[in-house]
PDB file of N, CA and C in Angstrom:
ATOM      1  N   UNK A   1      55.993 -42.370  -9.957  1.00  0.00           N
ATOM      2  CA  UNK A   1      56.879 -41.367 -10.518  1.00  0.00           C
ATOM      3  C   UNK A   1      57.268 -41.785 -11.932  1.00  0.00           C
ATOM      4  N   UNK A   2      57.411 -40.775 -12.771  1.00  0.00           N
ATOM      5  CA  UNK A   2      57.898 -41.010 -14.128  1.00  0.00           C
ATOM      6  C   UNK A   2      59.211 -40.260 -14.288  1.00  0.00           C
ATOM      7  N   UNK A   3      60.229 -40.969 -14.706  1.00  0.00           N
ATOM      8  CA  UNK A   3      61.538 -40.391 -14.957  1.00  0.00           C
ATOM      9  C   UNK A   3      61.664 -40.149 -16.453  1.00  0.00           C
ATOM     10  N   UNK A   4      61.890 -38.897 -16.834  1.00  0.00           N
ATOM     11  CA  UNK A   4      62.060 -38.514 -18.233  1.00  0.00           C
ATOM     12  C   UNK A   4      63.550 -38.271 -18.455  1.00  0.00           C
ATOM     13  N   UNK A   5      64.152 -39.024 -19.377  1.00  0.00           N
ATOM     14  CA  UNK A   5      65.585 -38.925 -19.620  1.00  0.00           C
ATOM     15  C   UNK A   5      65.811 -38.403 -21.042  1.00  0.00           C
ATOM     16  N   UNK A   6      66.445 -37.243 -21.132  1.00  0.00           N
ATOM     17  CA  UNK A   6      66.800 -36.648 -22.419  1.00  0.00           C
ATOM     18  C   UNK A   6      68.263 -36.977 -22.704  1.00  0.00           C
ATOM     19  N   UNK A   7      68.527 -37.570 -23.864  1.00  0.00           N
ATOM     20  CA  UNK A   7      69.896 -37.923 -24.219  1.00  0.00           C
ATOM     21  C   UNK A   7      70.326 -37.193 -25.483  1.00  0.00           C
ATOM     22  N   UNK A   8      71.623 -36.975 -25.598  1.00  0.00           N
ATOM     23  CA  UNK A   8      72.181 -36.289 -26.750  1.00  0.00           C
ATOM     24  C   UNK A   8      72.319 -37.223 -27.948  1.00  0.00           C
ATOM     25  N   UNK A   9      72.458 -38.501 -27.701  1.00  0.00           N
ATOM     26  CA  UNK A   9      72.695 -39.472 -28.771  1.00  0.00           C
ATOM     27  C   UNK A   9      71.705 -40.630 -28.685  1.00  0.00           C
ATOM     28  N   UNK A  10      71.251 -41.143 -29.831  1.00  0.00           N
ATOM     29  CA  UNK A  10      70.329 -42.288 -29.831  1.00  0.00           C
ATOM     30  C   UNK A  10      70.923 -43.550 -29.181  1.00  0.00           C
ATOM     31  N   UNK A  11      72.236 -43.721 -29.245  1.00  0.00           N
ATOM     32  CA  UNK A  11      72.846 -44.928 -28.680  1.00  0.00           C
ATOM     33  C   UNK A  11      72.634 -45.024 -27.170  1.00  0.00           C
ATOM     34  N   UNK A  12      72.473 -43.887 -26.509  1.00  0.00           N
ATOM     35  CA  UNK A  12      72.225 -43.897 -25.060  1.00  0.00           C
ATOM     36  C   UNK A  12      70.903 -44.573 -24.728  1.00  0.00           C
ATOM     37  N   UNK A  13      69.928 -44.467 -25.626  1.00  0.00           N
ATOM     38  CA  UNK A  13      68.626 -45.073 -25.364  1.00  0.00           C
ATOM     39  C   UNK A  13      68.764 -46.577 -25.179  1.00  0.00           C
ATOM     40  N   UNK A  14      69.577 -47.218 -26.000  1.00  0.00           N
ATOM     41  CA  UNK A  14      69.773 -48.668 -25.892  1.00  0.00           C
ATOM     42  C   UNK A  14      70.400 -49.048 -24.553  1.00  0.00           C
ATOM     43  N   UNK A  15      71.417 -48.324 -24.159  1.00  0.00           N
ATOM     44  CA  UNK A  15      72.105 -48.613 -22.894  1.00  0.00           C
ATOM     45  C   UNK A  15      71.167 -48.376 -21.709  1.00  0.00           C
ATOM     46  N   UNK A  16      70.497 -47.232 -21.709  1.00  0.00           N
ATOM     47  CA  UNK A  16      69.604 -46.902 -20.593  1.00  0.00           C
ATOM     48  C   UNK A  16      68.396 -47.831 -20.531  1.00  0.00           C
ATOM     49  N   UNK A  17      67.944 -48.299 -21.689  1.00  0.00           N
ATOM     50  CA  UNK A  17      66.821 -49.233 -21.717  1.00  0.00           C
ATOM     51  C   UNK A  17      67.140 -50.537 -21.011  1.00  0.00           C
ATOM     52  N   UNK A  18      68.404 -50.895 -20.987  1.00  0.00           N
ATOM     53  CA  UNK A  18      68.852 -52.107 -20.270  1.00  0.00           C
ATOM     54  C   UNK A  18      69.190 -51.777 -18.812  1.00  0.00           C
ATOM     55  N   UNK A  19      69.857 -50.662 -18.602  1.00  0.00           N
ATOM     56  CA  UNK A  19      70.361 -50.309 -17.275  1.00  0.00           C
ATOM     57  C   UNK A  19      69.272 -49.841 -16.304  1.00  0.00           C
ATOM     58  N   UNK A  20      68.400 -48.955 -16.755  1.00  0.00           N
ATOM     59  CA  UNK A  20      67.420 -48.359 -15.832  1.00  0.00           C
ATOM     60  C   UNK A  20      66.493 -49.373 -15.160  1.00  0.00           C
ATOM     61  N   UNK A  21      65.972 -50.369 -15.875  1.00  0.00           N
ATOM     62  CA  UNK A  21      65.115 -51.335 -15.171  1.00  0.00           C
ATOM     63  C   UNK A  21      65.851 -52.103 -14.070  1.00  0.00           C
ATOM     64  N   UNK A  22      67.160 -52.195 -14.180  1.00  0.00           N
ATOM     65  CA  UNK A  22      67.948 -52.924 -13.176  1.00  0.00           C
ATOM     66  C   UNK A  22      68.238 -52.088 -11.938  1.00  0.00           C
ATOM     67  N   UNK A  23      68.252 -50.754 -12.089  1.00  0.00           N
ATOM     68  CA  UNK A  23      68.639 -49.924 -10.943  1.00  0.00           C
ATOM     69  C   UNK A  23      67.479 -49.116 -10.351  1.00  0.00           C
ATOM     70  N   UNK A  24      66.400 -48.966 -11.097  1.00  0.00           N
ATOM     71  CA  UNK A  24      65.262 -48.205 -10.574  1.00  0.00           C
ATOM     72  C   UNK A  24      64.276 -49.120  -9.860  1.00  0.00           C
ATOM     73  N   UNK A  25      63.606 -48.615  -8.842  1.00  0.00           N
ATOM     74  CA  UNK A  25      62.536 -49.397  -8.216  1.00  0.00           C
ATOM     75  C   UNK A  25      61.441 -49.696  -9.245  1.00  0.00           C
ATOM     76  N   UNK A  26      60.744 -50.792  -9.050  1.00  0.00           N
ATOM     77  CA  UNK A  26      59.723 -51.221 -10.003  1.00  0.00           C
ATOM     78  C   UNK A  26      58.631 -50.183 -10.211  1.00  0.00           C
ATOM     79  N   UNK A  27      58.331 -49.396  -9.188  1.00  0.00           N
ATOM     80  CA  UNK A  27      57.243 -48.430  -9.304  1.00  0.00           C
ATOM     81  C   UNK A  27      57.619 -47.174 -10.111  1.00  0.00           C
ATOM     82  N   UNK A  28      58.892 -47.054 -10.486  1.00  0.00           N
ATOM     83  CA  UNK A  28      59.332 -45.904 -11.271  1.00  0.00           C
ATOM     84  C   UNK A  28      59.261 -46.250 -12.756  1.00  0.00           C
ATOM     85  N   UNK A  29      58.423 -45.506 -13.460  1.00  0.00           N
ATOM     86  CA  UNK A  29      58.367 -45.632 -14.916  1.00  0.00           C
ATOM     87  C   UNK A  29      59.437 -44.717 -15.495  1.00  0.00           C
ATOM     88  N   UNK A  30      59.871 -45.019 -16.711  1.00  0.00           N
ATOM     89  CA  UNK A  30      60.809 -44.104 -17.342  1.00  0.00           C
ATOM     90  C   UNK A  30      60.519 -43.998 -18.830  1.00  0.00           C
ATOM     91  N   UNK A  31      60.876 -42.843 -19.356  1.00  0.00           N
ATOM     92  CA  UNK A  31      60.779 -42.581 -20.788  1.00  0.00           C
ATOM     93  C   UNK A  31      62.091 -41.963 -21.223  1.00  0.00           C
ATOM     94  N   UNK A  32      62.608 -42.441 -22.330  1.00  0.00           N
ATOM     95  CA  UNK A  32      63.879 -41.952 -22.836  1.00  0.00           C
ATOM     96  C   UNK A  32      63.614 -41.211 -24.146  1.00  0.00           C
ATOM     97  N   UNK A  33      64.155 -40.013 -24.237  1.00  0.00           N
ATOM     98  CA  UNK A  33      63.984 -39.172 -25.413  1.00  0.00           C
ATOM     99  C   UNK A  33      65.346 -38.979 -26.088  1.00  0.00           C
ATOM    100  N   UNK A  34      65.677 -39.798 -27.079  1.00  0.00           N
ATOM    101  CA  UNK A  34      66.979 -39.648 -27.749  1.00  0.00           C
ATOM    102  C   UNK A  34      66.946 -38.508 -28.768  1.00  0.00           C
ATOM    103  N   UNK A  35      68.076 -37.872 -28.947  1.00  0.00           N
ATOM    104  CA  UNK A  35      68.193 -36.760 -29.891  1.00  0.00           C
ATOM    105  C   UNK A  35      69.384 -36.983 -30.817  1.00  0.00           C
ATOM    106  N   UNK A  36      69.419 -36.195 -31.857  1.00  0.00           N
ATOM    107  CA  UNK A  36      70.465 -36.313 -32.875  1.00  0.00           C
ATOM    108  C   UNK A  36      71.551 -35.259 -32.662  1.00  0.00           C
ATOM    109  N   UNK A  37      72.175 -35.303 -31.514  1.00  0.00           N
ATOM    110  CA  UNK A  37      73.261 -34.375 -31.228  1.00  0.00           C
ATOM    111  C   UNK A  37      72.862 -33.230 -30.317  1.00  0.00           C
ATOM    112  N   UNK A  38      73.859 -32.398 -30.047  1.00  0.00           N
ATOM    113  CA  UNK A  38      73.727 -31.316 -29.079  1.00  0.00           C
ATOM    114  C   UNK A  38      72.647 -30.302 -29.469  1.00  0.00           C
ATOM    115  N   UNK A  39      72.649 -29.848 -30.723  1.00  0.00           N
ATOM    116  CA  UNK A  39      71.677 -28.832 -31.128  1.00  0.00           C
ATOM    117  C   UNK A  39      70.248 -29.366 -31.079  1.00  0.00           C
ATOM    118  N   UNK A  40      70.056 -30.606 -31.481  1.00  0.00           N
ATOM    119  CA  UNK A  40      68.725 -31.216 -31.423  1.00  0.00           C
ATOM    120  C   UNK A  40      68.245 -31.311 -29.978  1.00  0.00           C
ATOM    121  N   UNK A  41      69.135 -31.707 -29.086  1.00  0.00           N
ATOM    122  CA  UNK A  41      68.796 -31.783 -27.662  1.00  0.00           C
ATOM    123  C   UNK A  41      68.440 -30.396 -27.121  1.00  0.00           C
ATOM    124  N   UNK A  42      69.234 -29.394 -27.442  1.00  0.00           N
ATOM    125  CA  UNK A  42      68.967 -28.050 -26.945  1.00  0.00           C
ATOM    126  C   UNK A  42      67.630 -27.504 -27.448  1.00  0.00           C
ATOM    127  N   UNK A  43      67.267 -27.811 -28.690  1.00  0.00           N
ATOM    128  CA  UNK A  43      65.952 -27.405 -29.205  1.00  0.00           C
ATOM    129  C   UNK A  43      64.839 -28.063 -28.395  1.00  0.00           C
ATOM    130  N   UNK A  44      65.008 -29.349 -28.124  1.00  0.00           N
ATOM    131  CA  UNK A  44      63.990 -30.081 -27.358  1.00  0.00           C
ATOM    132  C   UNK A  44      63.854 -29.529 -25.947  1.00  0.00           C
ATOM    133  N   UNK A  45      64.970 -29.102 -25.372  1.00  0.00           N
ATOM    134  CA  UNK A  45      64.916 -28.564 -24.013  1.00  0.00           C
ATOM    135  C   UNK A  45      64.079 -27.289 -23.969  1.00  0.00           C
ATOM    136  N   UNK A  46      64.107 -26.516 -25.029  1.00  0.00           N
ATOM    137  CA  UNK A  46      63.325 -25.281 -25.025  1.00  0.00           C
ATOM    138  C   UNK A  46      61.873 -25.500 -25.438  1.00  0.00           C
ATOM    139  N   UNK A  47      61.588 -26.592 -26.141  1.00  0.00           N
ATOM    140  CA  UNK A  47      60.216 -26.822 -26.596  1.00  0.00           C
ATOM    141  C   UNK A  47      59.482 -27.890 -25.781  1.00  0.00           C
ATOM    142  N   UNK A  48      60.111 -29.025 -25.560  1.00  0.00           N
ATOM    143  CA  UNK A  48      59.465 -30.160 -24.899  1.00  0.00           C
ATOM    144  C   UNK A  48      59.564 -30.092 -23.377  1.00  0.00           C
ATOM    145  N   UNK A  49      60.686 -29.671 -22.887  1.00  0.00           N
ATOM    146  CA  UNK A  49      60.934 -29.669 -21.442  1.00  0.00           C
ATOM    147  C   UNK A  49      59.899 -28.888 -20.635  1.00  0.00           C
ATOM    148  N   UNK A  50      59.486 -27.708 -21.066  1.00  0.00           N
ATOM    149  CA  UNK A  50      58.476 -26.993 -20.265  1.00  0.00           C
ATOM    150  C   UNK A  50      57.178 -27.783 -20.083  1.00  0.00           C
ATOM    151  N   UNK A  51      56.738 -28.457 -21.122  1.00  0.00           N
ATOM    152  CA  UNK A  51      55.500 -29.241 -21.009  1.00  0.00           C
ATOM    153  C   UNK A  51      55.682 -30.429 -20.073  1.00  0.00           C
ATOM    154  N   UNK A  52      56.797 -31.127 -20.199  1.00  0.00           N
ATOM    155  CA  UNK A  52      57.047 -32.293 -19.342  1.00  0.00           C
ATOM    156  C   UNK A  52      57.210 -31.880 -17.888  1.00  0.00           C
ATOM    157  N   UNK A  53      57.792 -30.723 -17.659  1.00  0.00           N
ATOM    158  CA  UNK A  53      58.005 -30.282 -16.275  1.00  0.00           C
ATOM    159  C   UNK A  53      56.694 -30.006 -15.545  1.00  0.00           C
ATOM    160  N   UNK A  54      55.611 -29.847 -16.280  1.00  0.00           N
ATOM    161  CA  UNK A  54      54.308 -29.617 -15.650  1.00  0.00           C
ATOM    162  C   UNK A  54      53.542 -30.916 -15.368  1.00  0.00           C
ATOM    163  N   UNK A  55      54.064 -32.049 -15.795  1.00  0.00           N
ATOM    164  CA  UNK A  55      53.403 -33.329 -15.541  1.00  0.00           C
ATOM    165  C   UNK A  55      53.625 -33.691 -14.071  1.00  0.00           C
ATOM    166  N   UNK A  56      52.550 -33.912 -13.308  1.00  0.00           N
ATOM    167  CA  UNK A  56      52.714 -34.241 -11.885  1.00  0.00           C
ATOM    168  C   UNK A  56      53.558 -35.508 -11.687  1.00  0.00           C
ATOM    169  N   UNK A  57      54.350 -35.490 -10.645  1.00  0.00           N
ATOM    170  CA  UNK A  57      55.171 -36.629 -10.230  1.00  0.00           C
ATOM    171  C   UNK A  57      56.199 -37.036 -11.284  1.00  0.00           C
ATOM    172  N   UNK A  58      56.697 -36.062 -12.031  1.00  0.00           N
ATOM    173  CA  UNK A  58      57.719 -36.328 -13.037  1.00  0.00           C
ATOM    174  C   UNK A  58      59.060 -35.770 -12.592  1.00  0.00           C
ATOM    175  N   UNK A  59      60.104 -36.478 -12.928  1.00  0.00           N
ATOM    176  CA  UNK A  59      61.476 -36.036 -12.698  1.00  0.00           C
ATOM    177  C   UNK A  59      62.179 -36.073 -14.051  1.00  0.00           C
ATOM    178  N   UNK A  60      63.143 -35.173 -14.246  1.00  0.00           N
ATOM    179  CA  UNK A  60      63.817 -35.055 -15.531  1.00  0.00           C
ATOM    180  C   UNK A  60      65.314 -35.168 -15.334  1.00  0.00           C
ATOM    181  N   UNK A  61      65.945 -35.956 -16.210  1.00  0.00           N
ATOM    182  CA  UNK A  61      67.403 -36.068 -16.256  1.00  0.00           C
ATOM    183  C   UNK A  61      67.831 -35.704 -17.666  1.00  0.00           C
ATOM    184  N   UNK A  62      68.882 -34.891 -17.781  1.00  0.00           N
ATOM    185  CA  UNK A  62      69.426 -34.517 -19.077  1.00  0.00           C
ATOM    186  C   UNK A  62      70.858 -35.035 -19.150  1.00  0.00           C
ATOM    187  N   UNK A  63      71.125 -35.892 -20.132  1.00  0.00           N
ATOM    188  CA  UNK A  63      72.462 -36.458 -20.314  1.00  0.00           C
ATOM    189  C   UNK A  63      73.122 -35.822 -21.525  1.00  0.00           C
ATOM    190  N   UNK A  64      74.280 -35.226 -21.293  1.00  0.00           N
ATOM    191  CA  UNK A  64      75.047 -34.611 -22.379  1.00  0.00           C
ATOM    192  C   UNK A  64      76.453 -35.144 -22.354  1.00  0.00           C
ATOM    193  N   UNK A  65      77.031 -35.263 -23.536  1.00  0.00           N
ATOM    194  CA  UNK A  65      78.434 -35.668 -23.648  1.00  0.00           C
ATOM    195  C   UNK A  65      79.327 -34.531 -23.168  1.00  0.00           C
ATOM    196  N   UNK A  66      80.450 -34.911 -22.619  1.00  0.00           N
ATOM    197  CA  UNK A  66      81.471 -33.927 -22.288  1.00  0.00           C
ATOM    198  C   UNK A  66      82.448 -33.919 -23.445  1.00  0.00           C
ATOM    199  N   UNK A  67      82.416 -32.862 -24.221  1.00  0.00           N
ATOM    200  CA  UNK A  67      83.308 -32.745 -25.367  1.00  0.00           C
ATOM    201  C   UNK A  67      84.412 -31.763 -25.035  1.00  0.00           C
ATOM    202  N   UNK A  68      85.596 -32.284 -24.788  1.00  0.00           N
ATOM    203  CA  UNK A  68      86.743 -31.450 -24.463  1.00  0.00           C
ATOM    204  C   UNK A  68      87.492 -31.155 -25.748  1.00  0.00           C
ATOM    205  N   UNK A  69      87.508 -29.907 -26.132  1.00  0.00           N
ATOM    206  CA  UNK A  69      88.168 -29.528 -27.393  1.00  0.00           C
ATOM    207  C   UNK A  69      89.631 -29.156 -27.187  1.00  0.00           C
ATOM    208  N   UNK A  70      90.111 -29.267 -25.975  1.00  0.00           N
ATOM    209  CA  UNK A  70      91.526 -28.975 -25.712  1.00  0.00           C
ATOM    210  C   UNK A  70      92.324 -30.256 -25.923  1.00  0.00           C
ATOM    211  N   UNK A  71      93.493 -30.113 -26.474  1.00  0.00           N
ATOM    212  CA  UNK A  71      94.345 -31.300 -26.639  1.00  0.00           C
ATOM    213  C   UNK A  71      95.673 -31.041 -25.952  1.00  0.00           C
ATOM    214  N   UNK A  72      96.122 -32.027 -25.240  1.00  0.00           N
ATOM    215  CA  UNK A  72      97.413 -31.956 -24.555  1.00  0.00           C
ATOM    216  C   UNK A  72      98.464 -32.605 -25.427  1.00  0.00           C
ATOM    217  N   UNK A  73      99.581 -31.939 -25.586  1.00  0.00           N
ATOM    218  CA  UNK A  73     100.673 -32.502 -26.405  1.00  0.00           C
ATOM    219  C   UNK A  73     101.743 -33.077 -25.532  1.00  0.00           C
TER     220      UNK A  73
END
């Protein structure tokens, strides 16, 4: 199996590159696709995601930041 991970920020790639080998079984390969923010990620989802979804034995994870624009006083 190949795990394809789409991230909103490049910094996630560094963290996941360390974390995923520790928590995934050895037989699971992974690829991390970092993006330059929300709009860049959304563009990739419409262009790259359809092609990757057709790769046999592939799973996809999309990581997005939770940006809460409400402020409590």
